[in-house]
């Protein structure tokens, strides 16, 4: 009896799964948009900021991070190459955690690791399971066919 009940609960909660994947992608797009635009529109200041954070090769890193974030926004919105861009954006989040936020503790109120950690967890979810049914990955590559 309990096994049947748990089976039914599992099926019930599986229905919104693809909407959740879509929601996660759109939240990430929104979250990355402003920082990416600020970096690209102020590249000289971004390089100077990266230097002040002791990021190795700050010029290259600034362009690389800005490019990954900008391309990531578009690909994530479309659900295209989602697993790959999620991995690249995960590295960006690890860098943000290690170079910017870790000395401030956990709390978002103190500019801590909280928000980048949440983004990292979302990105790991997408890298692991794909973009879901509502994506170009599914249409073009049949990624997530059984989802």
C-alpha atoms as a PDB file:
ATOM      1  CA  UNK A   1       0.000   0.000   0.000  1.00  0.00           C
ATOM      2  CA  UNK A   2       2.762   2.478   0.970  1.00  0.00           C
ATOM      3  CA  UNK A   3       4.769   1.527  -2.124  1.00  0.00           C
ATOM      4  CA  UNK A   4       1.752   2.313  -4.358  1.00  0.00           C
ATOM      5  CA  UNK A   5       1.222   5.623  -2.584  1.00  0.00           C
ATOM      6  CA  UNK A   6       4.881   6.616  -3.007  1.00  0.00           C
ATOM      7  CA  UNK A   7       4.698   5.634  -6.679  1.00  0.00           C
ATOM      8  CA  UNK A   8       1.693   7.901  -7.168  1.00  0.00           C
ATOM      9  CA  UNK A   9       3.408  10.777  -5.328  1.00  0.00           C
ATOM     10  CA  UNK A  10       6.484  10.310  -7.524  1.00  0.00           C
ATOM     11  CA  UNK A  11       4.387  10.524 -10.702  1.00  0.00           C
ATOM     12  CA  UNK A  12       2.525  13.570  -9.389  1.00  0.00           C
ATOM     13  CA  UNK A  13       5.725  15.481  -8.660  1.00  0.00           C
ATOM     14  CA  UNK A  14       7.266  14.502 -12.017  1.00  0.00           C
ATOM     15  CA  UNK A  15       4.729  16.566 -13.984  1.00  0.00           C
ATOM     16  CA  UNK A  16       6.128  20.033 -13.218  1.00  0.00           C
ATOM     17  CA  UNK A  17       9.763  18.881 -13.619  1.00  0.00           C
ATOM     18  CA  UNK A  18      10.241  20.450 -17.046  1.00  0.00           C
ATOM     19  CA  UNK A  19       8.615  23.696 -15.971  1.00  0.00           C
ATOM     20  CA  UNK A  20      11.017  23.756 -13.027  1.00  0.00           C
ATOM     21  CA  UNK A  21      14.006  23.291 -15.366  1.00  0.00           C
ATOM     22  CA  UNK A  22      12.697  26.139 -17.521  1.00  0.00           C
ATOM     23  CA  UNK A  23      12.212  28.311 -14.432  1.00  0.00           C
ATOM     24  CA  UNK A  24      15.739  27.574 -13.209  1.00  0.00           C
ATOM     25  CA  UNK A  25      17.160  28.541 -16.604  1.00  0.00           C
ATOM     26  CA  UNK A  26      15.213  31.807 -16.701  1.00  0.00           C
ATOM     27  CA  UNK A  27      16.183  32.728 -13.130  1.00  0.00           C
ATOM     28  CA  UNK A  28      19.836  32.165 -14.016  1.00  0.00           C
ATOM     29  CA  UNK A  29      19.501  34.265 -17.177  1.00  0.00           C
ATOM     30  CA  UNK A  30      18.030  37.098 -15.124  1.00  0.00           C
ATOM     31  CA  UNK A  31      20.712  36.743 -12.441  1.00  0.00           C
ATOM     32  CA  UNK A  32      23.631  36.760 -14.883  1.00  0.00           C
ATOM     33  CA  UNK A  33      22.301  39.548 -17.126  1.00  0.00           C
ATOM     34  CA  UNK A  34      23.196  42.654 -15.111  1.00  0.00           C
ATOM     35  CA  UNK A  35      26.663  41.519 -13.968  1.00  0.00           C
ATOM     36  CA  UNK A  36      27.528  40.461 -17.531  1.00  0.00           C
ATOM     37  CA  UNK A  37      26.376  43.784 -18.984  1.00  0.00           C
ATOM     38  CA  UNK A  38      28.273  45.744 -16.338  1.00  0.00           C
ATOM     39  CA  UNK A  39      31.458  43.839 -17.115  1.00  0.00           C
ATOM     40  CA  UNK A  40      31.156  44.185 -20.889  1.00  0.00           C
ATOM     41  CA  UNK A  41      30.170  47.859 -20.838  1.00  0.00           C
ATOM     42  CA  UNK A  42      33.012  48.703 -18.437  1.00  0.00           C
ATOM     43  CA  UNK A  43      35.747  46.314 -19.543  1.00  0.00           C
ATOM     44  CA  UNK A  44      38.630  48.563 -18.469  1.00  0.00           C
ATOM     45  CA  UNK A  45      37.164  48.861 -14.963  1.00  0.00           C
ATOM     46  CA  UNK A  46      36.487  45.109 -14.931  1.00  0.00           C
ATOM     47  CA  UNK A  47      40.147  44.375 -15.656  1.00  0.00           C
ATOM     48  CA  UNK A  48      41.202  46.791 -12.902  1.00  0.00           C
ATOM     49  CA  UNK A  49      38.736  45.145 -10.497  1.00  0.00           C
ATOM     50  CA  UNK A  50      40.039  41.661 -11.397  1.00  0.00           C
ATOM     51  CA  UNK A  51      43.595  42.920 -10.760  1.00  0.00           C
ATOM     52  CA  UNK A  52      42.551  44.245  -7.340  1.00  0.00           C
ATOM     53  CA  UNK A  53      41.126  40.801  -6.501  1.00  0.00           C
ATOM     54  CA  UNK A  54      44.472  39.178  -7.437  1.00  0.00           C
ATOM     55  CA  UNK A  55      42.849  37.135 -10.183  1.00  0.00           C
ATOM     56  CA  UNK A  56      45.602  35.624 -12.343  1.00  0.00           C
ATOM     57  CA  UNK A  57      45.885  37.095 -15.854  1.00  0.00           C
ATOM     58  CA  UNK A  58      43.209  39.708 -15.114  1.00  0.00           C
ATOM     59  CA  UNK A  59      42.816  40.974 -18.692  1.00  0.00           C
ATOM     60  CA  UNK A  60      42.317  37.501 -20.128  1.00  0.00           C
ATOM     61  CA  UNK A  61      40.125  36.478 -17.196  1.00  0.00           C
ATOM     62  CA  UNK A  62      37.924  39.581 -17.547  1.00  0.00           C
ATOM     63  CA  UNK A  63      37.280  38.944 -21.237  1.00  0.00           C
ATOM     64  CA  UNK A  64      36.822  35.213 -20.690  1.00  0.00           C
ATOM     65  CA  UNK A  65      34.366  35.632 -17.811  1.00  0.00           C
ATOM     66  CA  UNK A  66      32.442  38.371 -19.633  1.00  0.00           C
ATOM     67  CA  UNK A  67      32.240  36.241 -22.764  1.00  0.00           C
ATOM     68  CA  UNK A  68      31.120  33.115 -20.931  1.00  0.00           C
ATOM     69  CA  UNK A  69      28.460  35.073 -19.039  1.00  0.00           C
ATOM     70  CA  UNK A  70      27.176  36.860 -22.158  1.00  0.00           C
ATOM     71  CA  UNK A  71      27.047  33.766 -24.343  1.00  0.00           C
ATOM     72  CA  UNK A  72      25.696  31.831 -21.377  1.00  0.00           C
ATOM     73  CA  UNK A  73      22.724  34.156 -21.063  1.00  0.00           C
ATOM     74  CA  UNK A  74      21.678  33.548 -24.659  1.00  0.00           C
ATOM     75  CA  UNK A  75      22.311  29.793 -24.619  1.00  0.00           C
ATOM     76  CA  UNK A  76      20.619  29.331 -21.250  1.00  0.00           C
ATOM     77  CA  UNK A  77      17.554  31.278 -22.418  1.00  0.00           C
ATOM     78  CA  UNK A  78      17.278  29.103 -25.506  1.00  0.00           C
ATOM     79  CA  UNK A  79      18.131  25.909 -23.666  1.00  0.00           C
ATOM     80  CA  UNK A  80      20.890  25.279 -26.197  1.00  0.00           C
ATOM     81  CA  UNK A  81      24.114  23.460 -25.228  1.00  0.00           C
ATOM     82  CA  UNK A  82      22.812  23.780 -21.688  1.00  0.00           C
ATOM     83  CA  UNK A  83      24.993  21.114 -20.121  1.00  0.00           C
ATOM     84  CA  UNK A  84      28.181  22.636 -21.566  1.00  0.00           C
ATOM     85  CA  UNK A  85      27.429  26.258 -20.739  1.00  0.00           C
ATOM     86  CA  UNK A  86      26.343  25.197 -17.245  1.00  0.00           C
ATOM     87  CA  UNK A  87      29.780  23.686 -16.677  1.00  0.00           C
ATOM     88  CA  UNK A  88      31.529  26.849 -17.895  1.00  0.00           C
ATOM     89  CA  UNK A  89      29.287  29.079 -15.798  1.00  0.00           C
ATOM     90  CA  UNK A  90      29.957  26.815 -12.811  1.00  0.00           C
ATOM     91  CA  UNK A  91      33.641  27.659 -13.114  1.00  0.00           C
ATOM     92  CA  UNK A  92      32.720  31.357 -13.215  1.00  0.00           C
ATOM     93  CA  UNK A  93      30.689  30.891 -10.018  1.00  0.00           C
ATOM     94  CA  UNK A  94      33.536  29.026  -8.337  1.00  0.00           C
ATOM     95  CA  UNK A  95      35.798  31.944  -9.223  1.00  0.00           C
ATOM     96  CA  UNK A  96      33.267  34.415  -7.845  1.00  0.00           C
ATOM     97  CA  UNK A  97      33.018  32.443  -4.625  1.00  0.00           C
ATOM     98  CA  UNK A  98      36.787  32.087  -4.179  1.00  0.00           C
ATOM     99  CA  UNK A  99      37.937  35.536  -5.319  1.00  0.00           C
ATOM    100  CA  UNK A 100      35.049  37.816  -4.333  1.00  0.00           C
ATOM    101  CA  UNK A 101      32.671  36.389  -1.757  1.00  0.00           C
ATOM    102  CA  UNK A 102      34.378  33.830   0.493  1.00  0.00           C
ATOM    103  CA  UNK A 103      36.015  36.372   2.816  1.00  0.00           C
ATOM    104  CA  UNK A 104      32.562  37.824   3.544  1.00  0.00           C
ATOM    105  CA  UNK A 105      31.114  34.630   4.981  1.00  0.00           C
ATOM    106  CA  UNK A 106      27.862  33.008   3.891  1.00  0.00           C
ATOM    107  CA  UNK A 107      25.150  35.667   4.168  1.00  0.00           C
ATOM    108  CA  UNK A 108      24.018  37.654   1.153  1.00  0.00           C
ATOM    109  CA  UNK A 109      23.612  40.622   3.517  1.00  0.00           C
ATOM    110  CA  UNK A 110      27.410  40.719   3.858  1.00  0.00           C
ATOM    111  CA  UNK A 111      28.095  39.982   0.143  1.00  0.00           C
ATOM    112  CA  UNK A 112      28.911  36.403   1.142  1.00  0.00           C
ATOM    113  CA  UNK A 113      28.841  33.211  -0.888  1.00  0.00           C
ATOM    114  CA  UNK A 114      25.111  32.584  -0.541  1.00  0.00           C
ATOM    115  CA  UNK A 115      23.870  33.744  -3.964  1.00  0.00           C
ATOM    116  CA  UNK A 116      26.804  32.438  -6.039  1.00  0.00           C
ATOM    117  CA  UNK A 117      26.477  29.124  -4.191  1.00  0.00           C
ATOM    118  CA  UNK A 118      22.782  28.908  -5.121  1.00  0.00           C
ATOM    119  CA  UNK A 119      23.640  29.706  -8.748  1.00  0.00           C
ATOM    120  CA  UNK A 120      26.340  27.031  -8.658  1.00  0.00           C
ATOM    121  CA  UNK A 121      23.835  24.481  -7.369  1.00  0.00           C
ATOM    122  CA  UNK A 122      21.344  25.401 -10.123  1.00  0.00           C
ATOM    123  CA  UNK A 123      24.108  25.101 -12.721  1.00  0.00           C
ATOM    124  CA  UNK A 124      25.159  21.683 -11.415  1.00  0.00           C
ATOM    125  CA  UNK A 125      21.514  20.599 -11.643  1.00  0.00           C
ATOM    126  CA  UNK A 126      21.340  21.678 -15.303  1.00  0.00           C
ATOM    127  CA  UNK A 127      24.731  20.163 -16.125  1.00  0.00           C
ATOM    128  CA  UNK A 128      23.561  16.883 -14.614  1.00  0.00           C
ATOM    129  CA  UNK A 129      20.030  16.641 -15.983  1.00  0.00           C
ATOM    130  CA  UNK A 130      19.953  18.973 -18.996  1.00  0.00           C
ATOM    131  CA  UNK A 131      17.613  21.793 -19.884  1.00  0.00           C
ATOM    132  CA  UNK A 132      14.419  19.761 -19.856  1.00  0.00           C
ATOM    133  CA  UNK A 133      11.601  19.413 -22.342  1.00  0.00           C
ATOM    134  CA  UNK A 134      11.217  23.115 -23.134  1.00  0.00           C
ATOM    135  CA  UNK A 135      14.589  23.666 -24.772  1.00  0.00           C
ATOM    136  CA  UNK A 136      16.372  23.642 -28.086  1.00  0.00           C
ATOM    137  CA  UNK A 137      18.574  20.870 -26.698  1.00  0.00           C
ATOM    138  CA  UNK A 138      15.516  18.621 -26.698  1.00  0.00           C
ATOM    139  CA  UNK A 139      14.387  19.723 -30.149  1.00  0.00           C
ATOM    140  CA  UNK A 140      17.785  19.509 -31.850  1.00  0.00           C
ATOM    141  CA  UNK A 141      19.591  16.778 -29.937  1.00  0.00           C
ATOM    142  CA  UNK A 142      16.813  14.829 -28.206  1.00  0.00           C
ATOM    143  CA  UNK A 143      18.555  15.581 -24.890  1.00  0.00           C
ATOM    144  CA  UNK A 144      16.023  14.838 -22.174  1.00  0.00           C
ATOM    145  CA  UNK A 145      13.741  12.780 -24.440  1.00  0.00           C
ATOM    146  CA  UNK A 146      12.479  10.716 -21.505  1.00  0.00           C
ATOM    147  CA  UNK A 147      11.854  13.732 -19.297  1.00  0.00           C
END
